[in-house]
Protein backbone atom coordinates (compact mmCIF):
# COMPACT_ATOMS: atom_id res chain seq x y z
CA MET A 1 -15.66 7.71 -29.15
CA ASN A 2 -18.43 5.25 -30.19
CA GLN A 3 -18.73 1.54 -29.43
CA ASN A 4 -17.09 0.46 -32.69
CA THR A 5 -14.08 2.65 -31.96
CA LEU A 6 -14.00 1.23 -28.43
CA LYS A 7 -13.90 -2.34 -29.73
CA LEU A 8 -11.06 -1.43 -32.09
CA ALA A 9 -9.12 0.25 -29.26
CA VAL A 10 -9.57 -2.82 -27.04
CA LYS A 11 -8.41 -5.08 -29.87
CA LEU A 12 -5.24 -3.01 -30.33
CA TYR A 13 -4.71 -3.04 -26.55
CA ASP A 14 -5.04 -6.83 -26.58
CA THR A 15 -2.48 -7.12 -29.40
CA ALA A 16 -0.01 -4.94 -27.51
CA TRP A 17 -0.35 -7.10 -24.39
CA ARG A 18 0.08 -10.30 -26.40
CA SER A 19 3.36 -9.02 -27.83
CA ILE A 20 4.88 -8.07 -24.46
CA LEU A 21 3.74 -11.03 -22.34
CA PRO A 22 6.79 -13.24 -23.11
CA ALA A 23 9.16 -10.43 -22.03
CA LEU A 24 7.33 -9.98 -18.72
CA LYS A 25 8.48 -13.42 -17.63
CA LEU A 26 11.98 -11.92 -17.38
CA ASN A 27 10.85 -9.07 -15.13
CA SER A 28 12.21 -9.48 -11.59
CA ARG A 29 8.90 -8.51 -10.00
CA LEU A 30 6.51 -10.24 -12.41
CA LYS A 31 8.21 -13.55 -13.05
CA GLU A 32 6.98 -14.90 -9.72
CA GLY A 33 3.41 -16.00 -10.23
CA TYR A 34 3.78 -15.55 -13.99
CA GLU A 35 1.62 -18.59 -14.78
CA GLY A 36 -1.07 -17.34 -12.41
CA ARG A 37 -0.96 -13.86 -13.89
CA ARG A 38 -1.34 -15.41 -17.34
CA LEU A 39 -4.25 -17.47 -15.98
CA ASP A 40 -2.78 -20.88 -16.73
CA SER A 41 -4.75 -22.08 -13.69
CA ALA A 42 -8.31 -20.99 -12.99
CA LEU A 43 -9.28 -18.37 -10.43
CA PRO A 44 -11.92 -19.44 -7.89
CA ALA A 45 -15.53 -18.35 -8.18
CA ALA A 46 -16.29 -15.55 -5.71
CA ASP A 47 -19.07 -13.18 -4.73
CA LEU A 48 -16.65 -10.27 -4.24
CA TRP A 49 -13.38 -9.57 -6.05
CA ILE A 50 -11.04 -7.01 -4.51
CA GLN A 51 -7.93 -5.87 -6.37
CA ALA A 52 -5.15 -4.75 -3.99
CA ALA A 53 -2.04 -3.69 -5.91
CA SER A 54 0.63 -4.14 -3.25
CA ALA A 55 1.29 -4.30 0.49
CA GLY A 56 -0.62 -1.17 1.55
CA GLU A 57 -3.72 -2.10 -0.43
CA ALA A 58 -3.51 -5.72 0.79
CA TYR A 59 -3.77 -4.49 4.38
CA LEU A 60 -6.80 -2.43 3.38
CA ALA A 61 -8.39 -5.45 1.72
CA ARG A 62 -7.91 -7.54 4.86
CA ALA A 63 -9.47 -4.80 6.97
CA ILE A 64 -12.47 -4.59 4.64
CA VAL A 65 -13.05 -8.33 4.58
CA SER A 66 -12.77 -8.58 8.36
CA CYS A 67 -15.37 -5.81 8.81
CA LEU A 68 -18.03 -7.14 6.42
CA ASN A 69 -21.34 -8.31 7.87
CA THR A 70 -22.78 -11.34 6.11
CA ASP A 71 -26.05 -13.21 6.47
CA GLY A 72 -24.55 -16.37 5.01
CA GLU A 73 -21.47 -17.67 3.26
CA LEU A 74 -19.39 -15.12 1.37
CA ARG A 75 -16.53 -16.01 -0.97
CA VAL A 76 -13.99 -13.21 -1.48
CA LEU A 77 -11.13 -13.22 -3.99
CA VAL A 78 -8.39 -10.69 -3.27
CA THR A 79 -5.76 -10.32 -5.99
CA THR A 80 -2.45 -8.51 -5.81
CA ASN A 81 0.47 -7.62 -8.07
CA THR A 82 3.40 -8.11 -5.68
CA ARG A 83 5.01 -10.74 -3.46
CA GLN A 84 4.64 -8.43 -0.45
CA GLY A 85 0.93 -8.12 -1.11
CA MET A 86 0.61 -11.90 -1.48
CA ASP A 87 2.44 -12.51 1.81
CA ILE A 88 0.01 -10.22 3.63
CA LEU A 89 -3.03 -11.89 2.08
CA GLU A 90 -1.78 -15.40 2.77
CA LYS A 91 -1.09 -14.54 6.42
CA GLY A 92 -4.51 -13.00 6.73
CA ALA A 93 -6.43 -15.87 5.15
CA PRO A 94 -6.39 -18.28 8.14
CA GLY A 95 -7.94 -15.68 10.44
CA ILE A 96 -10.65 -14.80 7.95
CA ASN A 97 -11.45 -18.33 6.80
CA SER A 98 -13.44 -18.99 9.95
CA GLN A 99 -16.83 -20.51 10.53
CA THR A 100 -17.87 -17.61 12.74
CA ASN A 101 -18.16 -14.91 10.09
CA GLY A 102 -18.95 -17.11 7.10
CA ILE A 103 -16.27 -15.48 4.95
CA THR A 104 -13.71 -17.37 2.90
CA LEU A 105 -10.82 -15.38 1.47
CA PHE A 106 -8.90 -16.58 -1.57
CA PRO A 107 -5.56 -14.81 -2.27
CA GLY A 108 -4.50 -14.73 -5.93
CA TRP A 109 -2.23 -13.04 -8.43
CA PHE A 110 -3.88 -10.26 -10.42
CA PRO A 111 -4.10 -11.42 -14.05
CA PHE A 112 -2.29 -9.53 -16.79
CA ASP A 113 -4.68 -6.90 -18.15
CA ARG A 114 -4.78 -8.34 -21.65
CA PRO A 115 -8.50 -8.20 -22.56
CA ALA A 116 -8.58 -11.85 -23.64
CA VAL A 117 -7.10 -12.87 -20.28
CA MET A 118 -9.40 -10.61 -18.29
CA GLU A 119 -12.48 -11.85 -20.12
CA LYS A 120 -11.52 -15.37 -19.05
CA ALA A 121 -10.80 -14.23 -15.48
CA VAL A 122 -14.15 -12.44 -15.08
CA CYS A 123 -15.94 -15.47 -16.47
CA GLN A 124 -14.20 -17.76 -13.95
CA VAL A 125 -14.75 -15.55 -10.89
CA ASN A 126 -18.20 -14.29 -11.93
CA PRO A 127 -18.35 -11.78 -9.04
CA LYS A 128 -21.35 -9.77 -7.97
CA LEU A 129 -19.03 -6.78 -7.40
CA VAL A 130 -15.42 -5.81 -8.13
CA VAL A 131 -13.68 -3.37 -5.76
CA LEU A 132 -10.56 -1.61 -7.04
CA LEU A 133 -8.48 -0.10 -4.25
CA GLU A 134 -6.90 3.34 -4.64
CA THR A 135 -5.63 3.76 -8.25
CA GLU A 136 -6.35 0.45 -9.96
CA ILE A 137 -7.58 1.56 -13.40
CA TRP A 138 -7.26 -1.42 -15.75
CA PRO A 139 -8.96 -1.07 -19.18
CA GLY A 140 -8.95 -4.80 -19.89
CA LEU A 141 -10.70 -5.62 -16.63
CA LEU A 142 -13.16 -2.73 -16.90
CA TYR A 143 -14.08 -3.79 -20.46
CA ALA A 144 -14.68 -7.40 -19.38
CA LEU A 145 -16.89 -6.22 -16.52
CA LYS A 146 -18.87 -3.90 -18.81
CA THR A 147 -19.60 -6.70 -21.27
CA ARG A 148 -21.01 -8.87 -18.45
CA ASN A 149 -22.82 -6.01 -16.62
CA ILE A 150 -20.85 -6.57 -13.42
CA PRO A 151 -20.54 -3.43 -11.25
CA ALA A 152 -17.15 -2.06 -10.23
CA CYS A 153 -16.20 0.59 -7.69
CA ILE A 154 -12.95 2.39 -6.95
CA ILE A 155 -12.67 2.62 -3.16
CA ASN A 156 -10.23 4.73 -1.16
CA GLY A 157 -9.45 6.37 -4.47
CA ARG A 158 -6.38 8.51 -4.84
CA ILE A 159 -4.57 9.72 -7.93
CA THR A 160 -1.59 12.02 -8.28
CA GLY A 161 -1.24 14.87 -10.75
CA LYS A 162 1.48 12.88 -12.52
CA SER A 163 -0.84 9.89 -12.97
CA LEU A 164 -3.65 12.16 -14.13
CA TYR A 165 -1.40 13.51 -16.87
CA CYS A 166 -0.98 9.96 -18.22
CA TYR A 167 -4.65 9.04 -17.91
CA ARG A 168 -5.74 12.21 -19.73
CA LYS A 169 -4.40 10.67 -22.95
CA GLY A 170 -7.01 7.92 -22.73
CA CYS A 171 -9.92 9.87 -21.24
CA GLN A 172 -12.30 9.19 -24.12
CA LEU A 173 -11.72 5.44 -23.81
CA LEU A 174 -11.90 5.47 -20.02
CA ARG A 175 -15.19 7.40 -20.02
CA LEU A 176 -16.79 4.45 -21.83
CA LEU A 177 -15.19 1.95 -19.45
CA ARG A 178 -15.73 3.91 -16.26
CA PRO A 179 -16.69 2.11 -13.04
CA ASP A 180 -20.08 2.53 -11.42
CA ALA A 181 -18.66 4.77 -8.70
CA VAL A 182 -15.41 6.30 -7.46
CA HIS A 183 -15.02 7.12 -3.77
CA ALA A 184 -11.98 9.38 -3.40
CA VAL A 185 -10.12 10.25 -0.20
CA SER A 186 -9.86 14.02 -0.76
CA SER A 187 -11.43 16.82 -2.77
CA ALA A 188 -8.28 17.09 -4.89
CA ASP A 189 -8.37 13.36 -5.69
CA ALA A 190 -12.08 13.57 -6.42
CA ALA A 191 -11.49 16.41 -8.89
CA ARG A 192 -8.81 14.38 -10.71
CA PHE A 193 -11.05 11.31 -10.97
CA ALA A 194 -13.90 13.52 -12.17
CA GLU A 195 -11.70 14.76 -15.00
CA ILE A 196 -11.18 11.17 -16.14
CA PHE A 197 -14.59 9.60 -15.56
CA GLY A 198 -17.03 12.49 -15.09
CA GLU A 199 -18.10 14.11 -11.83
CA ASP A 200 -21.49 12.35 -11.64
CA ILE A 201 -19.96 9.09 -10.35
CA VAL A 202 -17.29 10.59 -8.05
CA PHE A 203 -17.79 10.99 -4.29
CA GLU A 204 -15.57 11.72 -1.29
CA MET A 205 -14.88 9.41 1.66
CA PRO A 206 -12.56 9.27 4.70
CA ASN A 207 -9.37 7.34 4.01
CA ILE A 208 -9.58 3.76 5.31
CA LYS A 209 -5.94 3.99 6.38
CA PHE A 210 -7.03 6.22 9.26
CA ASP A 211 -9.21 3.34 10.53
CA ARG A 212 -6.36 0.84 10.33
CA LEU A 213 -3.85 2.83 12.35
CA PRO A 214 -5.02 2.21 15.96
CA ALA A 215 -4.82 -1.56 15.41
CA ALA A 216 -1.06 -1.21 15.04
CA GLN A 217 -0.44 0.41 18.43
CA LYS A 218 1.20 -2.64 20.01
CA PRO A 219 2.90 -4.69 17.29
CA GLU A 220 3.86 -8.22 18.27
CA GLN A 221 7.41 -7.70 17.02
CA GLU A 222 8.21 -4.84 19.42
CA THR A 223 9.30 -7.04 22.33
CA ALA A 224 11.33 -9.36 20.12
CA LEU A 225 13.15 -6.45 18.50
CA SER A 226 13.86 -4.73 21.80
CA ARG A 227 15.79 -7.81 22.88
CA LEU A 228 18.14 -7.29 19.93
CA LEU A 229 19.01 -3.73 20.94
CA PRO A 230 21.64 -2.97 23.60
CA LYS A 231 20.32 -1.38 26.77
CA ASN A 232 20.39 2.43 26.77
CA SER A 233 21.17 2.46 23.04
CA ARG A 234 19.66 4.83 20.48
CA PHE A 235 17.77 3.23 17.58
CA LEU A 236 17.24 5.04 14.26
CA VAL A 237 14.83 3.57 11.71
CA LEU A 238 15.04 4.43 8.02
CA GLY A 239 11.77 3.05 6.68
CA SER A 240 10.62 2.26 3.13
CA ILE A 241 13.76 3.54 1.38
CA ARG A 242 13.33 3.78 -2.40
CA GLN A 243 15.97 3.18 -5.06
CA GLN A 244 15.88 6.75 -6.36
CA GLU A 245 17.02 8.18 -3.00
CA GLU A 246 19.65 5.62 -2.05
CA GLU A 247 22.72 7.84 -2.52
CA ARG A 248 21.11 10.56 -0.40
CA ILE A 249 20.35 8.02 2.31
CA ILE A 250 24.01 6.95 2.33
CA ASN A 251 24.98 10.58 2.96
CA LEU A 252 22.29 10.89 5.61
CA ILE A 253 23.60 7.80 7.44
CA ARG A 254 27.15 9.19 7.42
CA ASN A 255 25.96 12.54 8.75
CA VAL A 256 23.91 11.04 11.60
CA GLN A 257 26.71 8.64 12.56
CA ALA A 258 29.12 11.58 12.73
CA HIS A 259 26.89 13.06 15.43
CA HIS A 260 26.01 9.74 17.08
CA PRO A 261 28.70 7.08 16.43
CA ALA A 262 26.95 4.54 18.68
CA VAL A 263 23.50 4.82 17.12
CA ILE A 264 22.06 1.55 15.81
CA THR A 265 20.34 2.02 12.46
CA GLY A 266 17.56 -0.16 11.07
CA LEU A 267 17.59 0.16 7.26
CA PHE A 268 14.39 -0.99 5.53
CA PRO A 269 14.52 -0.97 1.69
CA ARG A 270 11.04 -0.55 0.22
CA HIS A 271 11.71 -3.43 -2.18
CA MET A 272 13.62 -6.58 -1.31
CA HIS A 273 15.33 -6.75 -4.70
CA ARG A 274 17.47 -3.77 -3.56
CA LEU A 275 19.14 -5.81 -0.81
CA ASP A 276 22.13 -6.69 -2.99
CA TYR A 277 22.74 -3.03 -3.70
CA TRP A 278 22.70 -2.21 0.00
CA LYS A 279 25.01 -5.10 0.90
CA SER A 280 27.58 -3.70 -1.52
CA ALA A 281 27.00 -0.06 -0.54
CA LEU A 282 27.34 -0.68 3.19
CA SER A 283 30.50 -2.70 2.66
CA GLN A 284 32.00 0.09 0.57
CA MET A 285 31.10 2.60 3.29
CA GLY A 286 33.26 0.63 5.69
CA VAL A 287 30.56 0.53 8.38
CA SER A 288 29.60 -2.37 10.62
CA TRP A 289 26.43 -3.98 9.30
CA LYS A 290 24.47 -7.21 9.55
CA LEU A 291 21.41 -8.73 7.93
CA ARG A 292 18.35 -8.85 10.17
CA SER A 293 17.94 -12.56 9.44
CA GLY A 294 21.45 -13.18 10.73
CA LEU A 295 21.08 -11.16 13.92
CA LYS A 296 20.76 -13.68 16.75
CA ALA A 297 22.26 -11.63 19.59
CA ARG A 298 22.14 -7.96 20.52
CA ALA A 299 23.36 -5.56 17.84
CA LYS A 300 26.66 -3.81 18.42
CA PRO A 301 26.83 -0.05 19.04
CA GLY A 302 27.09 1.82 15.73
CA GLN A 303 25.89 -1.18 13.72
CA ILE A 304 23.53 -0.94 10.75
CA ILE A 305 20.89 -3.67 10.53
CA LEU A 306 19.84 -4.31 6.93
CA TRP A 307 16.30 -5.64 7.12
CA ASP A 308 15.80 -8.66 4.86
CA THR A 309 12.72 -10.00 6.65
CA PHE A 310 9.22 -8.78 5.90
CA GLY A 311 6.58 -7.62 8.37
CA GLU A 312 8.74 -6.08 11.12
CA LEU A 313 8.67 -2.42 10.19
CA SER A 314 5.83 -1.66 12.61
CA GLY A 315 7.74 -3.24 15.47
CA ALA A 316 10.84 -1.26 14.54
CA TYR A 317 8.85 1.99 14.53
CA ALA A 318 7.53 1.15 18.01
CA SER A 319 11.09 0.58 19.30
CA ALA A 320 12.70 3.56 17.53
CA ASP A 321 14.07 6.75 19.04
CA ALA A 322 14.01 8.56 15.68
CA VAL A 323 12.39 7.71 12.34
CA PHE A 324 12.91 8.76 8.74
CA VAL A 325 10.30 7.65 6.20
CA GLY A 326 11.55 7.22 2.65
CA GLY A 327 10.15 7.74 -0.80
CA SER A 328 10.40 11.41 0.06
CA LEU A 329 13.96 12.59 -0.73
CA ALA A 330 13.35 11.91 -4.43
CA PRO A 331 10.12 12.83 -6.26
CA MET A 332 8.43 9.50 -5.44
CA GLY A 333 5.38 10.82 -3.61
CA GLY A 334 6.37 9.54 -0.17
CA GLN A 335 5.63 6.45 1.91
CA ASN A 336 3.41 5.94 4.95
CA PHE A 337 4.54 8.40 7.64
CA LEU A 338 1.39 7.91 9.73
CA GLU A 339 2.36 4.50 11.06
CA PRO A 340 5.40 5.65 13.10
CA LEU A 341 3.36 8.60 14.31
CA ILE A 342 0.94 6.44 16.29
CA TYR A 343 3.81 4.94 18.27
CA GLY A 344 4.73 8.38 19.57
CA ASN A 345 7.46 9.00 17.03
CA GLN A 346 7.67 12.35 15.26
CA PRO A 347 8.66 11.11 11.79
CA VAL A 348 11.00 13.08 9.55
CA ILE A 349 10.38 13.07 5.80
CA GLY A 350 11.80 14.77 2.73
CA PRO A 351 9.98 17.26 0.48
CA SER A 352 8.02 14.70 -1.58
CA TRP A 353 4.79 13.53 0.05
CA GLU A 354 1.99 14.03 -2.51
CA ASN A 355 0.90 10.36 -2.27
CA PHE A 356 -0.20 11.22 1.28
CA SER A 357 -1.68 14.64 0.61
CA TRP A 358 -4.97 13.22 1.92
CA ALA A 359 -3.41 13.37 5.41
CA GLY A 360 -3.59 17.18 5.15
CA GLU A 361 -1.16 20.06 5.61
CA THR A 362 -2.41 20.43 9.18
CA ILE A 363 -0.29 17.44 10.16
CA PHE A 364 2.83 19.56 9.53
CA ARG A 365 1.45 22.73 11.08
CA GLN A 366 0.72 20.83 14.28
CA GLY A 367 4.27 19.49 14.33
CA LEU A 368 3.19 15.87 14.14
CA VAL A 369 5.38 15.21 11.09
CA LEU A 370 8.57 17.09 10.24
CA ARG A 371 9.11 17.85 6.56
CA GLU A 372 12.62 18.84 5.44
CA ASN A 373 13.79 20.11 2.05
CA ASN A 374 16.86 17.87 1.59
CA TRP A 375 18.87 15.04 3.12
CA GLN A 376 21.18 17.44 4.98
CA ALA A 377 18.31 19.04 6.87
CA ALA A 378 16.70 15.64 7.49
CA ALA A 379 19.97 14.28 8.91
CA GLU A 380 20.37 17.26 11.23
CA ARG A 381 16.80 16.87 12.46
CA LEU A 382 17.28 13.14 13.14
CA ALA A 383 20.53 13.81 14.99
CA GLU A 384 18.70 16.36 17.12
CA GLN A 385 15.92 13.89 17.91
CA LEU A 386 18.43 11.21 18.93
CA HIS A 387 20.06 13.72 21.27
CA ASN A 388 16.81 15.07 22.71
CA PRO A 389 13.84 12.71 22.11
CA ALA A 390 10.31 14.13 22.24
CA ASP A 391 7.74 13.07 24.82
CA ARG A 392 6.40 9.99 23.06
CA GLU A 393 3.21 9.63 25.08
CA GLU A 394 2.25 13.24 24.42
CA MET A 395 3.04 12.82 20.72
CA ARG A 396 1.03 9.61 20.54
CA LYS A 397 -2.00 11.31 22.13
CA LYS A 398 -1.85 14.20 19.66
CA ALA A 399 -1.54 11.74 16.79
CA MET A 400 -4.55 9.71 17.94
CA ASP A 401 -6.64 12.87 18.30
CA TYR A 402 -5.73 13.84 14.75
CA ILE A 403 -6.48 10.36 13.39
CA SER A 404 -9.74 9.68 15.26
CA ALA A 405 -11.25 12.88 13.84
CA ARG A 406 -10.71 11.48 10.33
CA GLN A 407 -11.98 7.93 10.71
CA GLY A 408 -15.10 6.24 9.35
CA GLY A 409 -13.98 5.19 5.86
CA LEU A 410 -13.87 1.47 6.68
CA ARG A 411 -17.43 1.37 8.00
CA LYS A 412 -18.68 3.36 5.02
CA THR A 413 -16.88 1.05 2.58
CA CYS A 414 -18.28 -2.12 4.13
CA ARG A 415 -21.85 -0.83 4.11
CA LEU A 416 -21.42 0.18 0.46
CA ILE A 417 -20.15 -3.30 -0.48
CA GLU A 418 -22.93 -4.99 1.50
CA ASN A 419 -25.55 -2.92 -0.34
CA TYR A 420 -24.17 -4.02 -3.71
CA LEU A 421 -24.05 -7.66 -2.64
CA ASN A 422 -27.58 -7.58 -1.23
CA LYS A 423 -28.92 -6.08 -4.45
CA ALA A 424 -27.24 -8.83 -6.44
CA ARG A 425 -28.79 -11.64 -4.39
CA PRO A 426 -31.65 -13.45 -6.10
CA THR A 427 -35.03 -12.78 -4.55
CA ARG A 428 -36.45 -15.81 -2.75
CA LYS A 429 -39.91 -16.84 -3.88
CA ALA A 430 -42.51 -17.25 -1.19
CA SER A 431 -43.40 -20.88 -0.55
């Protein structure tokens, strides 16, 4: 593909975006911040622009910004696609906007990837470097950066085989738009990125998520949540439950309750827009349930708490006697099963976990995480854990040994970013 063909492809891509933009205002997840995504208001100028798709990437962005060493003032724009990501960034901004480290963080909505919009966005921000976290491959943004000679890096890169299949269709275009470097979290991810962009710009790095985990050992919410649980009760947490596995989770709940009628269950949908479904489903099940926001006194034995408040999953993991991590009973690639592990829980997951393949098969062989083939087996395992809990301190120590051996990605990322920013600084003339 030559440059003329590239320009034609970008023009067609722009036309496609222009035609669908009005419909996106009706999307339940995109209508919030629609004007910002369309760039009706200007983005702030910044030295560094980090794109963090959702909650997990937003936490990574906060960790990166907090770890950067600066010689002077540094303006950082961190954009996100979701409300959960925005909440995390907005909560993190006051702690980062301090005079001690010279860093100012600006949270913002990630603009729609229409090339005309992205050209305007890049012009407004005018960054020295753009960091794309994990799998943020946006042709409109990459094209705008190329035309202005602004470097871009994919950091903590991961890409599934399913995503690779889709990106293969546009490999010729993406080769021309490729970032300056891709730092992938495993050899398998590196090989997939190399197939898209070419192996000469692809490198491996430790996953930054390993560096973040110890900071979550004592969540602030743990004490508050423990006051809501009856003394000597058993607490089961079903974390990050996805829509595609909801019916299986209903069966799992029934099975566990049959073994442990008094167990209190914390149900955490991965996306808040599924709350209405769960309100109806729990009512139809005929079980006792209550919204977390409405729980002012201790929960009743056998009650299900439907979590409608954000940011308390870590505290729930720390208080739990047994944990199931969702996104794994349907082919969704799994959700973060490492977080409950550091609190001494031995998390149970379903068969789908490829989004976390970077954690390594060793984590199952060592018995740190229990992988089951279906909801029936997962329910039986959870019931067994509730009856005979593992030694949490021993489990936590094994988990921390596993994690500490795989850390270092955050430090490496920050030094990489600092090198780019230092190269971009104008040289001072001697007086």
